[in-house]
């Protein structure tokens, strides 16, 4: 699943390209990558980017499937295979849904 997150990261046009896949029982449910922020609710505080983790969570919200996030596993990876540990803001969201985090 991490390899799939790395491949997804290449869709980003940000300097540090990250991809995230939320899965349950090794089945991908929602995907996201970091991108420019287009909505005031989503993103990291005042910054102009939305992180890959929040983009994947946002996809679940838009699909009306927020309940599927609870207890899921999220895989987060960078396109250059560098460290991709979620920031404090993203960690708070992941903790809200009691997600297991696997990152490069």
N, C-alpha and C. Protein backbone atom coordinates (compact mmCIF):
# COMPACT_ATOMS: atom_id res chain seq x y z
N UNK A 1 0.83 -1.20 0.00
CA UNK A 1 0.00 0.00 0.00
C UNK A 1 0.88 1.27 0.00
N UNK A 2 2.05 1.19 0.65
CA UNK A 2 2.95 2.35 0.63
C UNK A 2 3.41 2.67 -0.78
N UNK A 3 3.66 1.65 -1.58
CA UNK A 3 4.07 1.89 -2.96
C UNK A 3 2.97 2.62 -3.73
N UNK A 4 1.73 2.25 -3.48
CA UNK A 4 0.60 2.93 -4.14
C UNK A 4 0.52 4.38 -3.68
N UNK A 5 0.82 4.65 -2.41
CA UNK A 5 0.82 6.03 -1.91
C UNK A 5 1.94 6.84 -2.56
N UNK A 6 3.09 6.20 -2.77
CA UNK A 6 4.20 6.89 -3.46
C UNK A 6 3.79 7.25 -4.88
N UNK A 7 3.18 6.33 -5.58
CA UNK A 7 2.72 6.60 -6.95
C UNK A 7 1.68 7.71 -6.98
N UNK A 8 0.79 7.72 -5.99
CA UNK A 8 -0.23 8.77 -5.90
C UNK A 8 0.41 10.13 -5.67
N UNK A 9 1.50 10.16 -4.91
CA UNK A 9 2.19 11.43 -4.61
C UNK A 9 2.64 12.15 -5.86
N UNK A 10 2.91 11.42 -6.93
CA UNK A 10 3.38 12.05 -8.17
C UNK A 10 2.31 12.92 -8.82
N UNK A 11 1.05 12.82 -8.38
CA UNK A 11 0.00 13.68 -8.90
C UNK A 11 0.08 15.09 -8.33
N UNK A 12 0.78 15.24 -7.22
CA UNK A 12 0.92 16.54 -6.58
C UNK A 12 1.82 17.46 -7.40
N UNK A 13 1.53 18.75 -7.36
CA UNK A 13 2.41 19.72 -8.01
C UNK A 13 3.18 20.55 -6.97
N UNK A 14 3.15 20.10 -5.71
CA UNK A 14 3.87 20.79 -4.64
C UNK A 14 5.35 20.40 -4.65
N UNK A 15 6.16 21.19 -3.98
CA UNK A 15 7.60 20.92 -3.93
C UNK A 15 7.87 19.56 -3.29
N UNK A 16 7.25 19.28 -2.15
CA UNK A 16 7.37 17.98 -1.48
C UNK A 16 6.07 17.24 -1.71
N UNK A 17 6.11 16.24 -2.56
CA UNK A 17 4.89 15.56 -2.99
C UNK A 17 4.60 14.35 -2.10
N UNK A 18 3.41 14.39 -1.50
CA UNK A 18 2.97 13.32 -0.60
C UNK A 18 1.68 12.71 -1.12
N UNK A 19 1.52 11.42 -0.87
CA UNK A 19 0.28 10.72 -1.18
C UNK A 19 -0.21 10.00 0.06
N UNK A 20 -1.52 9.81 0.18
CA UNK A 20 -2.09 9.12 1.32
C UNK A 20 -3.23 8.22 0.86
N UNK A 21 -3.27 7.03 1.43
CA UNK A 21 -4.35 6.09 1.13
C UNK A 21 -4.93 5.60 2.45
N UNK A 22 -6.23 5.74 2.60
CA UNK A 22 -6.93 5.21 3.76
C UNK A 22 -7.49 3.86 3.36
N UNK A 23 -7.18 2.85 4.17
CA UNK A 23 -7.58 1.48 3.84
C UNK A 23 -8.15 0.76 5.05
N UNK A 24 -8.89 -0.27 4.75
CA UNK A 24 -9.42 -1.16 5.77
C UNK A 24 -9.26 -2.58 5.22
N UNK A 25 -8.64 -3.46 6.02
CA UNK A 25 -8.38 -4.84 5.59
C UNK A 25 -7.65 -4.87 4.24
N UNK A 26 -6.64 -4.02 4.12
CA UNK A 26 -5.81 -3.93 2.90
C UNK A 26 -6.59 -3.55 1.66
N UNK A 27 -7.77 -3.00 1.83
CA UNK A 27 -8.59 -2.54 0.70
C UNK A 27 -8.61 -1.01 0.71
N UNK A 28 -8.09 -0.36 -0.32
CA UNK A 28 -8.09 1.11 -0.34
C UNK A 28 -9.50 1.67 -0.42
N UNK A 29 -9.75 2.67 0.42
CA UNK A 29 -11.07 3.30 0.47
C UNK A 29 -11.04 4.72 -0.09
N UNK A 30 -10.08 5.52 0.39
CA UNK A 30 -9.99 6.92 0.00
C UNK A 30 -8.53 7.28 -0.24
N UNK A 31 -8.31 8.16 -1.21
CA UNK A 31 -6.95 8.55 -1.59
C UNK A 31 -6.85 10.06 -1.61
N UNK A 32 -5.64 10.55 -1.37
CA UNK A 32 -5.41 11.99 -1.45
C UNK A 32 -3.95 12.29 -1.66
N UNK A 33 -3.68 13.51 -2.08
CA UNK A 33 -2.30 13.98 -2.21
C UNK A 33 -2.28 15.46 -1.88
N UNK A 34 -1.11 15.98 -1.52
CA UNK A 34 -1.06 17.39 -1.14
C UNK A 34 -1.26 18.28 -2.37
N UNK A 35 -1.98 19.36 -2.14
CA UNK A 35 -2.37 20.26 -3.23
C UNK A 35 -2.65 21.65 -2.68
N UNK A 36 -2.93 22.57 -3.57
CA UNK A 36 -3.30 23.92 -3.14
C UNK A 36 -4.66 23.87 -2.47
N UNK A 37 -4.80 24.66 -1.44
CA UNK A 37 -6.03 24.72 -0.65
C UNK A 37 -7.11 25.48 -1.43
N UNK A 38 -8.30 24.89 -1.52
CA UNK A 38 -9.39 25.55 -2.25
C UNK A 38 -10.62 25.78 -1.37
N UNK A 39 -10.56 25.37 -0.11
CA UNK A 39 -11.70 25.53 0.79
C UNK A 39 -11.16 25.95 2.15
N UNK A 40 -11.79 26.92 2.80
CA UNK A 40 -11.26 27.41 4.08
C UNK A 40 -11.28 26.38 5.21
N UNK A 41 -12.15 25.38 5.16
CA UNK A 41 -12.23 24.38 6.23
C UNK A 41 -11.08 23.39 6.17
N UNK A 42 -10.65 23.03 4.98
CA UNK A 42 -9.65 21.98 4.83
C UNK A 42 -8.28 22.58 4.61
N UNK A 43 -7.30 21.99 5.24
CA UNK A 43 -5.94 22.47 5.10
C UNK A 43 -5.30 22.63 6.45
N UNK A 44 -4.09 23.09 6.46
CA UNK A 44 -3.34 23.21 7.69
C UNK A 44 -3.35 24.66 8.13
N UNK A 45 -4.26 24.98 9.02
CA UNK A 45 -4.34 26.32 9.57
C UNK A 45 -4.45 27.39 8.50
N UNK A 46 -3.57 28.37 8.59
CA UNK A 46 -3.60 29.50 7.67
C UNK A 46 -2.83 29.23 6.38
N UNK A 47 -2.17 28.10 6.29
CA UNK A 47 -1.35 27.82 5.11
C UNK A 47 -2.20 27.61 3.87
N UNK A 48 -1.56 27.68 2.72
CA UNK A 48 -2.30 27.61 1.46
C UNK A 48 -2.27 26.21 0.84
N UNK A 49 -1.84 25.19 1.59
CA UNK A 49 -1.79 23.82 1.07
C UNK A 49 -2.70 22.92 1.91
N UNK A 50 -3.21 21.88 1.28
CA UNK A 50 -3.91 20.83 2.00
C UNK A 50 -3.00 19.60 1.95
N UNK A 51 -2.76 19.01 3.10
CA UNK A 51 -1.88 17.85 3.16
C UNK A 51 -2.59 16.61 2.65
N UNK A 52 -1.81 15.63 2.22
CA UNK A 52 -2.35 14.41 1.63
C UNK A 52 -3.32 13.70 2.57
N UNK A 53 -2.99 13.66 3.85
CA UNK A 53 -3.85 12.99 4.82
C UNK A 53 -5.24 13.63 4.86
N UNK A 54 -5.25 14.96 4.93
CA UNK A 54 -6.54 15.67 4.99
C UNK A 54 -7.28 15.60 3.67
N UNK A 55 -6.56 15.52 2.57
CA UNK A 55 -7.22 15.36 1.28
C UNK A 55 -7.96 14.03 1.22
N UNK A 56 -7.35 12.96 1.75
CA UNK A 56 -8.01 11.66 1.77
C UNK A 56 -9.23 11.68 2.71
N UNK A 57 -9.08 12.31 3.87
CA UNK A 57 -10.21 12.44 4.80
C UNK A 57 -11.32 13.26 4.16
N UNK A 58 -10.95 14.30 3.46
CA UNK A 58 -11.93 15.15 2.77
C UNK A 58 -12.74 14.34 1.75
N UNK A 59 -12.07 13.42 1.05
CA UNK A 59 -12.77 12.58 0.08
C UNK A 59 -13.85 11.75 0.77
N UNK A 60 -13.53 11.23 1.96
CA UNK A 60 -14.52 10.45 2.73
C UNK A 60 -15.70 11.32 3.12
N UNK A 61 -15.43 12.54 3.56
CA UNK A 61 -16.51 13.46 3.95
C UNK A 61 -17.40 13.78 2.75
N UNK A 62 -16.79 14.08 1.62
CA UNK A 62 -17.58 14.41 0.43
C UNK A 62 -18.43 13.25 -0.04
N UNK A 63 -17.94 12.02 0.20
CA UNK A 63 -18.69 10.82 -0.20
C UNK A 63 -19.75 10.44 0.85
N UNK A 64 -19.78 11.17 1.97
CA UNK A 64 -20.73 10.85 3.04
C UNK A 64 -20.35 9.60 3.79
N UNK A 65 -19.08 9.28 3.82
CA UNK A 65 -18.60 8.02 4.42
C UNK A 65 -17.67 8.26 5.60
N UNK A 66 -17.88 9.30 6.35
CA UNK A 66 -17.00 9.61 7.48
C UNK A 66 -16.89 8.44 8.45
N UNK A 67 -17.97 7.69 8.66
CA UNK A 67 -17.95 6.57 9.61
C UNK A 67 -16.94 5.49 9.21
N UNK A 68 -16.58 5.41 7.94
CA UNK A 68 -15.62 4.41 7.49
C UNK A 68 -14.18 4.76 7.91
N UNK A 69 -13.96 5.98 8.36
CA UNK A 69 -12.63 6.41 8.76
C UNK A 69 -12.23 5.84 10.12
N UNK A 70 -13.20 5.61 10.99
CA UNK A 70 -12.90 5.18 12.35
C UNK A 70 -12.22 3.82 12.36
N UNK A 71 -10.99 3.80 12.94
CA UNK A 71 -10.24 2.56 13.05
C UNK A 71 -9.55 2.10 11.78
N UNK A 72 -9.58 2.91 10.74
CA UNK A 72 -8.92 2.54 9.47
C UNK A 72 -7.40 2.74 9.59
N UNK A 73 -6.70 2.32 8.57
CA UNK A 73 -5.25 2.52 8.48
C UNK A 73 -4.98 3.52 7.36
N UNK A 74 -4.09 4.46 7.62
CA UNK A 74 -3.70 5.41 6.59
C UNK A 74 -2.22 5.22 6.27
N UNK A 75 -1.93 5.14 4.99
CA UNK A 75 -0.57 4.99 4.48
C UNK A 75 -0.17 6.33 3.87
N UNK A 76 0.96 6.88 4.32
CA UNK A 76 1.41 8.19 3.84
C UNK A 76 2.84 8.05 3.34
N UNK A 77 3.09 8.57 2.13
CA UNK A 77 4.43 8.44 1.54
C UNK A 77 4.76 9.65 0.68
N UNK A 78 6.06 9.89 0.53
CA UNK A 78 6.57 10.95 -0.33
C UNK A 78 7.03 10.37 -1.64
N UNK A 79 6.93 11.16 -2.70
CA UNK A 79 7.34 10.69 -4.02
C UNK A 79 8.82 10.38 -4.10
N UNK A 80 9.63 11.10 -3.32
CA UNK A 80 11.08 10.85 -3.35
C UNK A 80 11.51 9.86 -2.26
N UNK A 81 10.53 9.21 -1.65
CA UNK A 81 10.74 8.20 -0.61
C UNK A 81 11.39 8.77 0.64
N UNK A 82 11.30 10.09 0.84
CA UNK A 82 11.78 10.72 2.06
C UNK A 82 10.79 10.48 3.20
N UNK A 83 11.11 11.00 4.37
CA UNK A 83 10.24 10.84 5.54
C UNK A 83 8.93 11.58 5.31
N UNK A 84 7.84 10.93 5.69
CA UNK A 84 6.52 11.48 5.43
C UNK A 84 5.64 11.41 6.68
N UNK A 85 6.20 11.71 7.82
CA UNK A 85 5.44 11.67 9.07
C UNK A 85 4.42 12.81 9.09
N UNK A 86 3.15 12.50 9.45
CA UNK A 86 2.13 13.55 9.49
C UNK A 86 2.47 14.67 10.48
N UNK A 87 2.11 15.89 10.13
CA UNK A 87 2.34 17.04 10.99
C UNK A 87 1.38 16.99 12.19
N UNK A 88 1.53 17.89 13.14
CA UNK A 88 0.68 17.90 14.34
C UNK A 88 -0.80 18.07 13.99
N UNK A 89 -1.09 18.94 13.04
CA UNK A 89 -2.48 19.18 12.64
C UNK A 89 -3.10 17.91 12.07
N UNK A 90 -2.38 17.25 11.17
CA UNK A 90 -2.88 16.01 10.58
C UNK A 90 -2.98 14.91 11.63
N UNK A 91 -2.00 14.84 12.54
CA UNK A 91 -2.05 13.85 13.59
C UNK A 91 -3.31 14.00 14.44
N UNK A 92 -3.72 15.23 14.69
CA UNK A 92 -4.94 15.46 15.47
C UNK A 92 -6.16 14.89 14.74
N UNK A 93 -6.23 15.09 13.44
CA UNK A 93 -7.34 14.54 12.66
C UNK A 93 -7.30 13.02 12.67
N UNK A 94 -6.12 12.44 12.51
CA UNK A 94 -5.98 10.98 12.48
C UNK A 94 -6.34 10.38 13.85
N UNK A 95 -5.99 11.08 14.91
CA UNK A 95 -6.33 10.63 16.25
C UNK A 95 -7.85 10.68 16.46
N UNK A 96 -8.49 11.69 15.92
CA UNK A 96 -9.95 11.81 16.03
C UNK A 96 -10.63 10.55 15.51
N UNK A 97 -10.10 9.98 14.44
CA UNK A 97 -10.69 8.79 13.83
C UNK A 97 -10.00 7.49 14.28
N UNK A 98 -9.09 7.61 15.26
CA UNK A 98 -8.40 6.44 15.81
C UNK A 98 -7.74 5.61 14.69
N UNK A 99 -7.09 6.31 13.77
CA UNK A 99 -6.45 5.64 12.65
C UNK A 99 -5.04 5.16 13.00
N UNK A 100 -4.68 4.05 12.43
CA UNK A 100 -3.30 3.56 12.49
C UNK A 100 -2.55 4.24 11.36
N UNK A 101 -1.38 4.77 11.65
CA UNK A 101 -0.60 5.50 10.64
C UNK A 101 0.64 4.70 10.27
N UNK A 102 0.81 4.48 8.99
CA UNK A 102 2.02 3.84 8.45
C UNK A 102 2.59 4.83 7.45
N UNK A 103 3.84 5.25 7.66
CA UNK A 103 4.43 6.26 6.76
C UNK A 103 5.86 5.89 6.42
N UNK A 104 6.36 6.50 5.34
CA UNK A 104 7.74 6.28 4.95
C UNK A 104 8.64 7.14 5.82
